[in-house]
C-alpha atoms as a PDB file:
ATOM      1  CA  MET A   1       3.873  -7.599 -15.381  1.00  0.00           C
ATOM      2  CA  ASN A   2       5.154  -3.913 -16.680  1.00  0.00           C
ATOM      3  CA  PRO A   3       5.455  -1.770 -13.963  1.00  0.00           C
ATOM      4  CA  ASP A   4       5.766   1.521 -16.112  1.00  0.00           C
ATOM      5  CA  ARG A   5       2.109   2.659 -15.927  1.00  0.00           C
ATOM      6  CA  ILE A   6       3.100   2.072 -11.755  1.00  0.00           C
ATOM      7  CA  VAL A   7       5.643   3.774 -12.119  1.00  0.00           C
ATOM      8  CA  GLN A   8       4.226   6.866 -13.611  1.00  0.00           C
ATOM      9  CA  LEU A   9       1.089   6.736 -10.709  1.00  0.00           C
ATOM     10  CA  VAL A  10       3.870   7.200  -8.373  1.00  0.00           C
ATOM     11  CA  ALA A  11       5.793   9.676 -10.124  1.00  0.00           C
ATOM     12  CA  ASP A  12       2.368  11.690 -10.145  1.00  0.00           C
ATOM     13  CA  GLY A  13       2.035  11.405  -6.615  1.00  0.00           C
ATOM     14  CA  LEU A  14      -0.528   8.754  -6.457  1.00  0.00           C
ATOM     15  CA  ALA A  15      -0.319   5.685  -4.310  1.00  0.00           C
ATOM     16  CA  PRO A  16      -0.709   2.630  -6.798  1.00  0.00           C
ATOM     17  CA  LEU A  17      -3.697   0.179  -5.044  1.00  0.00           C
ATOM     18  CA  ILE A  18      -2.822  -3.094  -7.367  1.00  0.00           C
ATOM     19  CA  ARG A  19      -5.253  -5.886  -7.323  1.00  0.00           C
ATOM     20  CA  THR A  20      -3.467  -9.119  -7.211  1.00  0.00           C
ATOM     21  CA  ASP A  21      -6.561 -11.609  -6.835  1.00  0.00           C
ATOM     22  CA  PHE A  22      -8.771 -11.561  -9.540  1.00  0.00           C
ATOM     23  CA  SER A  23     -11.216 -14.368  -8.008  1.00  0.00           C
ATOM     24  CA  ALA A  24     -14.324 -11.992  -7.343  1.00  0.00           C
ATOM     25  CA  ASP A  25     -14.599  -8.314  -9.240  1.00  0.00           C
ATOM     26  CA  ASP A  26     -17.417  -7.839  -5.602  1.00  0.00           C
ATOM     27  CA  ALA A  27     -14.542  -8.221  -3.483  1.00  0.00           C
ATOM     28  CA  TRP A  28     -12.268  -5.857  -5.426  1.00  0.00           C
ATOM     29  CA  ARG A  29     -15.214  -3.124  -5.464  1.00  0.00           C
ATOM     30  CA  ARG A  30     -15.428  -3.443  -1.389  1.00  0.00           C
ATOM     31  CA  VAL A  31     -11.523  -3.012  -0.918  1.00  0.00           C
ATOM     32  CA  VAL A  32     -11.348  -0.071  -3.523  1.00  0.00           C
ATOM     33  CA  GLU A  33     -14.628   1.328  -1.178  1.00  0.00           C
ATOM     34  CA  ALA A  34     -12.714   0.672   1.911  1.00  0.00           C
ATOM     35  CA  LEU A  35      -9.224   2.563   0.684  1.00  0.00           C
ATOM     36  CA  SER A  36     -11.341   5.423  -0.543  1.00  0.00           C
ATOM     37  CA  GLN A  37     -13.620   6.118   2.343  1.00  0.00           C
ATOM     38  CA  GLU A  38     -12.558   9.958   4.120  1.00  0.00           C
ATOM     39  CA  SER A  39     -10.679   9.850   7.861  1.00  0.00           C
ATOM     40  CA  ASP A  40      -9.857  12.740   9.755  1.00  0.00           C
ATOM     41  CA  VAL A  41      -6.164  11.744   9.897  1.00  0.00           C
ATOM     42  CA  VAL A  42      -5.177  14.348  12.444  1.00  0.00           C
ATOM     43  CA  ALA A  43      -8.208  14.467  14.642  1.00  0.00           C
ATOM     44  CA  ASP A  44      -9.361  17.616  13.012  1.00  0.00           C
ATOM     45  CA  GLY A  45     -12.573  17.744  12.153  1.00  0.00           C
ATOM     46  CA  ASP A  46     -11.164  17.694   8.371  1.00  0.00           C
ATOM     47  CA  GLU A  47     -11.802  14.444   6.482  1.00  0.00           C
ATOM     48  CA  TYR A  48      -9.231  13.617   3.634  1.00  0.00           C
ATOM     49  CA  THR A  49      -8.994  10.805   1.218  1.00  0.00           C
ATOM     50  CA  ALA A  50      -6.255   9.014   0.376  1.00  0.00           C
ATOM     51  CA  ASN A  51      -4.745   9.702  -3.010  1.00  0.00           C
ATOM     52  CA  LEU A  52      -5.230   6.417  -4.593  1.00  0.00           C
ATOM     53  CA  GLU A  53      -5.383   4.993  -8.145  1.00  0.00           C
ATOM     54  CA  ALA A  54      -6.685   1.688  -8.391  1.00  0.00           C
ATOM     55  CA  ILE A  55      -5.126  -1.067 -10.965  1.00  0.00           C
ATOM     56  CA  SER A  56      -7.094  -3.912 -12.003  1.00  0.00           C
ATOM     57  CA  ASP A  57      -4.704  -5.138 -14.422  1.00  0.00           C
ATOM     58  CA  VAL A  58      -4.471  -9.085 -14.806  1.00  0.00           C
ATOM     59  CA  GLY A  59      -0.687  -9.070 -15.906  1.00  0.00           C
ATOM     60  CA  PHE A  60      -0.532  -7.963 -12.107  1.00  0.00           C
ATOM     61  CA  ASP A  61      -2.617 -11.183 -11.145  1.00  0.00           C
ATOM     62  CA  THR A  62      -0.646 -12.907  -8.144  1.00  0.00           C
ATOM     63  CA  ILE A  63       2.016 -10.705  -8.333  1.00  0.00           C
ATOM     64  CA  THR A  64       4.151 -10.650  -4.951  1.00  0.00           C
ATOM     65  CA  PRO A  65       5.790  -7.647  -2.654  1.00  0.00           C
ATOM     66  CA  GLU A  66       9.290  -9.779  -4.163  1.00  0.00           C
ATOM     67  CA  THR A  67       8.103  -9.775  -7.504  1.00  0.00           C
ATOM     68  CA  LEU A  68       7.790  -6.410  -7.959  1.00  0.00           C
ATOM     69  CA  ALA A  69      10.673  -5.369  -6.331  1.00  0.00           C
ATOM     70  CA  ASN A  70      12.430  -6.933  -8.492  1.00  0.00           C
ATOM     71  CA  ALA A  71      10.799  -5.594 -11.551  1.00  0.00           C
ATOM     72  CA  TRP A  72      11.000  -2.014 -10.423  1.00  0.00           C
ATOM     73  CA  PRO A  73      13.359   0.403 -11.838  1.00  0.00           C
ATOM     74  CA  ARG A  74      15.348   1.762  -8.494  1.00  0.00           C
ATOM     75  CA  GLU A  75      15.661   5.042  -9.829  1.00  0.00           C
ATOM     76  CA  HIS A  76      12.117   5.273  -9.097  1.00  0.00           C
ATOM     77  CA  PRO A  77      10.994   5.665  -5.761  1.00  0.00           C
ATOM     78  CA  GLY A  78       7.906   5.030  -4.144  1.00  0.00           C
ATOM     79  CA  TYR A  79       5.519   2.661  -2.660  1.00  0.00           C
ATOM     80  CA  VAL A  80       2.877   0.579  -3.592  1.00  0.00           C
ATOM     81  CA  ILE A  81      -0.624  -1.115  -2.435  1.00  0.00           C
ATOM     82  CA  LEU A  82      -1.498  -4.447  -3.659  1.00  0.00           C
ATOM     83  CA  ALA A  83      -5.238  -6.464  -2.475  1.00  0.00           C
ATOM     84  CA  ASP A  84      -4.362  -9.364  -2.520  1.00  0.00           C
ATOM     85  CA  GLN A  85      -6.466 -12.878  -2.256  1.00  0.00           C
ATOM     86  CA  ARG A  86      -6.337 -12.224   2.178  1.00  0.00           C
ATOM     87  CA  SER A  87      -7.918  -8.721   1.151  1.00  0.00           C
ATOM     88  CA  MET A  88     -10.667  -9.738  -0.849  1.00  0.00           C
ATOM     89  CA  ARG A  89     -11.353 -12.471   1.311  1.00  0.00           C
ATOM     90  CA  GLU A  90     -11.672  -9.913   4.178  1.00  0.00           C
ATOM     91  CA  ALA A  91     -13.647  -7.764   2.428  1.00  0.00           C
ATOM     92  CA  MET A  92     -16.219 -10.419   1.539  1.00  0.00           C
ATOM     93  CA  SER A  93     -16.428 -11.174   5.305  1.00  0.00           C
ATOM     94  CA  GLY A  94     -17.509  -7.750   5.756  1.00  0.00           C
ATOM     95  CA  GLU A  95     -14.090  -7.086   8.145  1.00  0.00           C
ATOM     96  CA  ASP A  96     -11.761  -4.285   7.423  1.00  0.00           C
ATOM     97  CA  PRO A  97      -9.593  -5.681   4.810  1.00  0.00           C
ATOM     98  CA  THR A  98      -5.829  -5.307   5.302  1.00  0.00           C
ATOM     99  CA  VAL A  99      -3.395  -4.186   2.436  1.00  0.00           C
ATOM    100  CA  VAL A 100       0.035  -4.534   2.234  1.00  0.00           C
ATOM    101  CA  LEU A 101       2.136  -1.544   1.575  1.00  0.00           C
ATOM    102  CA  VAL A 102       5.620  -2.042  -0.100  1.00  0.00           C
ATOM    103  CA  ASP A 103       8.293  -0.010   0.572  1.00  0.00           C
ATOM    104  CA  LEU A 104      10.140   0.711  -3.203  1.00  0.00           C
ATOM    105  CA  SER A 105      11.850   3.766  -2.232  1.00  0.00           C
ATOM    106  CA  ALA A 106      14.916   2.168   0.159  1.00  0.00           C
ATOM    107  CA  ASP A 107      18.345   2.852  -1.436  1.00  0.00           C
ATOM    108  CA  GLU A 108      21.666   1.371  -0.355  1.00  0.00           C
ATOM    109  CA  GLU A 109      22.223   3.944   2.244  1.00  0.00           C
ATOM    110  CA  ASP A 110      18.899   2.542   3.997  1.00  0.00           C
ATOM    111  CA  GLU A 111      19.840  -0.352   3.937  1.00  0.00           C
ATOM    112  CA  GLU A 112      23.627  -0.414   5.411  1.00  0.00           C
ATOM    113  CA  GLU A 113      22.200   2.657   8.211  1.00  0.00           C
ATOM    114  CA  PHE A 114      18.902   1.451   8.949  1.00  0.00           C
ATOM    115  CA  GLY A 115      18.364  -2.391   7.786  1.00  0.00           C
ATOM    116  CA  TRP A 116      15.582  -1.261   5.646  1.00  0.00           C
ATOM    117  CA  VAL A 117      15.233  -3.531   2.929  1.00  0.00           C
ATOM    118  CA  PHE A 118      14.414  -2.320  -0.547  1.00  0.00           C
ATOM    119  CA  GLY A 119      10.886  -4.617  -1.637  1.00  0.00           C
ATOM    120  CA  GLN A 120      10.030  -4.686   2.724  1.00  0.00           C
ATOM    121  CA  ALA A 121       6.782  -4.679   3.235  1.00  0.00           C
ATOM    122  CA  PHE A 122       3.897  -4.882   6.047  1.00  0.00           C
ATOM    123  CA  ARG A 123      -0.380  -5.139   5.842  1.00  0.00           C
ATOM    124  CA  CYS A 124      -2.382  -1.886   6.965  1.00  0.00           C
ATOM    125  CA  VAL A 125      -6.167  -2.107   7.752  1.00  0.00           C
ATOM    126  CA  ALA A 126      -7.943  -0.309   5.457  1.00  0.00           C
ATOM    127  CA  SER A 127      -9.294   2.234   7.515  1.00  0.00           C
ATOM    128  CA  GLU A 128      -5.232   3.481   8.282  1.00  0.00           C
ATOM    129  CA  VAL A 129      -4.344   3.857   5.019  1.00  0.00           C
ATOM    130  CA  ALA A 130      -5.574   7.232   4.583  1.00  0.00           C
ATOM    131  CA  SER A 131      -3.221   7.921   7.267  1.00  0.00           C
ATOM    132  CA  VAL A 132      -0.239   5.892   6.230  1.00  0.00           C
ATOM    133  CA  GLU A 133      -0.352   7.704   2.770  1.00  0.00           C
ATOM    134  CA  ALA A 134      -0.894  10.903   4.083  1.00  0.00           C
ATOM    135  CA  ASN A 135       2.490  10.866   6.492  1.00  0.00           C
ATOM    136  CA  LEU A 136       4.382   9.089   3.691  1.00  0.00           C
ATOM    137  CA  SER A 137       3.235  12.183   0.758  1.00  0.00           C
ATOM    138  CA  ILE A 138       4.568  14.839   3.011  1.00  0.00           C
ATOM    139  CA  ALA A 139       7.258  13.176   4.512  1.00  0.00           C
ATOM    140  CA  ASN A 140       6.044  13.461   7.850  1.00  0.00           C
ATOM    141  CA  MET A 141       7.084   9.960   9.327  1.00  0.00           C
ATOM    142  CA  ASP A 142       8.845   7.257   6.426  1.00  0.00           C
ATOM    143  CA  PHE A 143       7.725   3.847   5.607  1.00  0.00           C
ATOM    144  CA  ALA A 144       9.623   2.160   8.803  1.00  0.00           C
ATOM    145  CA  GLU A 145       8.238   3.762  10.655  1.00  0.00           C
ATOM    146  CA  PHE A 146       4.745   2.338   9.882  1.00  0.00           C
ATOM    147  CA  ALA A 147       6.386  -1.119   9.502  1.00  0.00           C
ATOM    148  CA  ASP A 148       8.022  -0.942  12.621  1.00  0.00           C
ATOM    149  CA  ALA A 149       4.196  -0.302  14.729  1.00  0.00           C
ATOM    150  CA  VAL A 150       2.990  -3.107  13.238  1.00  0.00           C
ATOM    151  CA  ASP A 151       1.038  -5.333  16.110  1.00  0.00           C
ATOM    152  CA  ASP A 152       1.659  -9.070  17.219  1.00  0.00           C
ATOM    153  CA  ASP A 153       0.059 -10.384  13.784  1.00  0.00           C
ATOM    154  CA  GLY A 154       1.901  -8.467  11.357  1.00  0.00           C
ATOM    155  CA  VAL A 155      -0.900  -5.812  10.599  1.00  0.00           C
ATOM    156  CA  PHE A 156      -0.548  -2.014  11.079  1.00  0.00           C
ATOM    157  CA  ARG A 157      -3.686  -0.909  13.144  1.00  0.00           C
ATOM    158  CA  GLY A 158      -2.760   3.011  13.933  1.00  0.00           C
ATOM    159  CA  PHE A 159      -0.674   4.298  17.020  1.00  0.00           C
END
């Protein structure tokens, strides 16, 4: 796994959507489609599409948030989205698939002051990814606010 391409996408202001399960191409297409849907993130009638870049590279097969965080150059803060085996299974069953958002921006100050750990992750339903991406991209909210708002099952479904 070489994170250089992913680092560049983050630097360009895109949220990398990384495929980590290669068991079904149709499932991957469904996940990408679900995350590419327009959404009215502020309920003002204007549609917004998340700034995502889908990455389907077998070099990321079975990558975990921990593995990615360990390989990530900390001087390049950002976050990524992982479409894992659960994402693919949910997409194939017709559910709103969930994906894993991984924080790659926490620094030592965040860790000491807030207890937030570099590489922390949470699951999010596809229908809420545009809202998360929009708020993170303009620094309206931080990663921890979304992670702290997950349901009892660990999935963020909105506020």
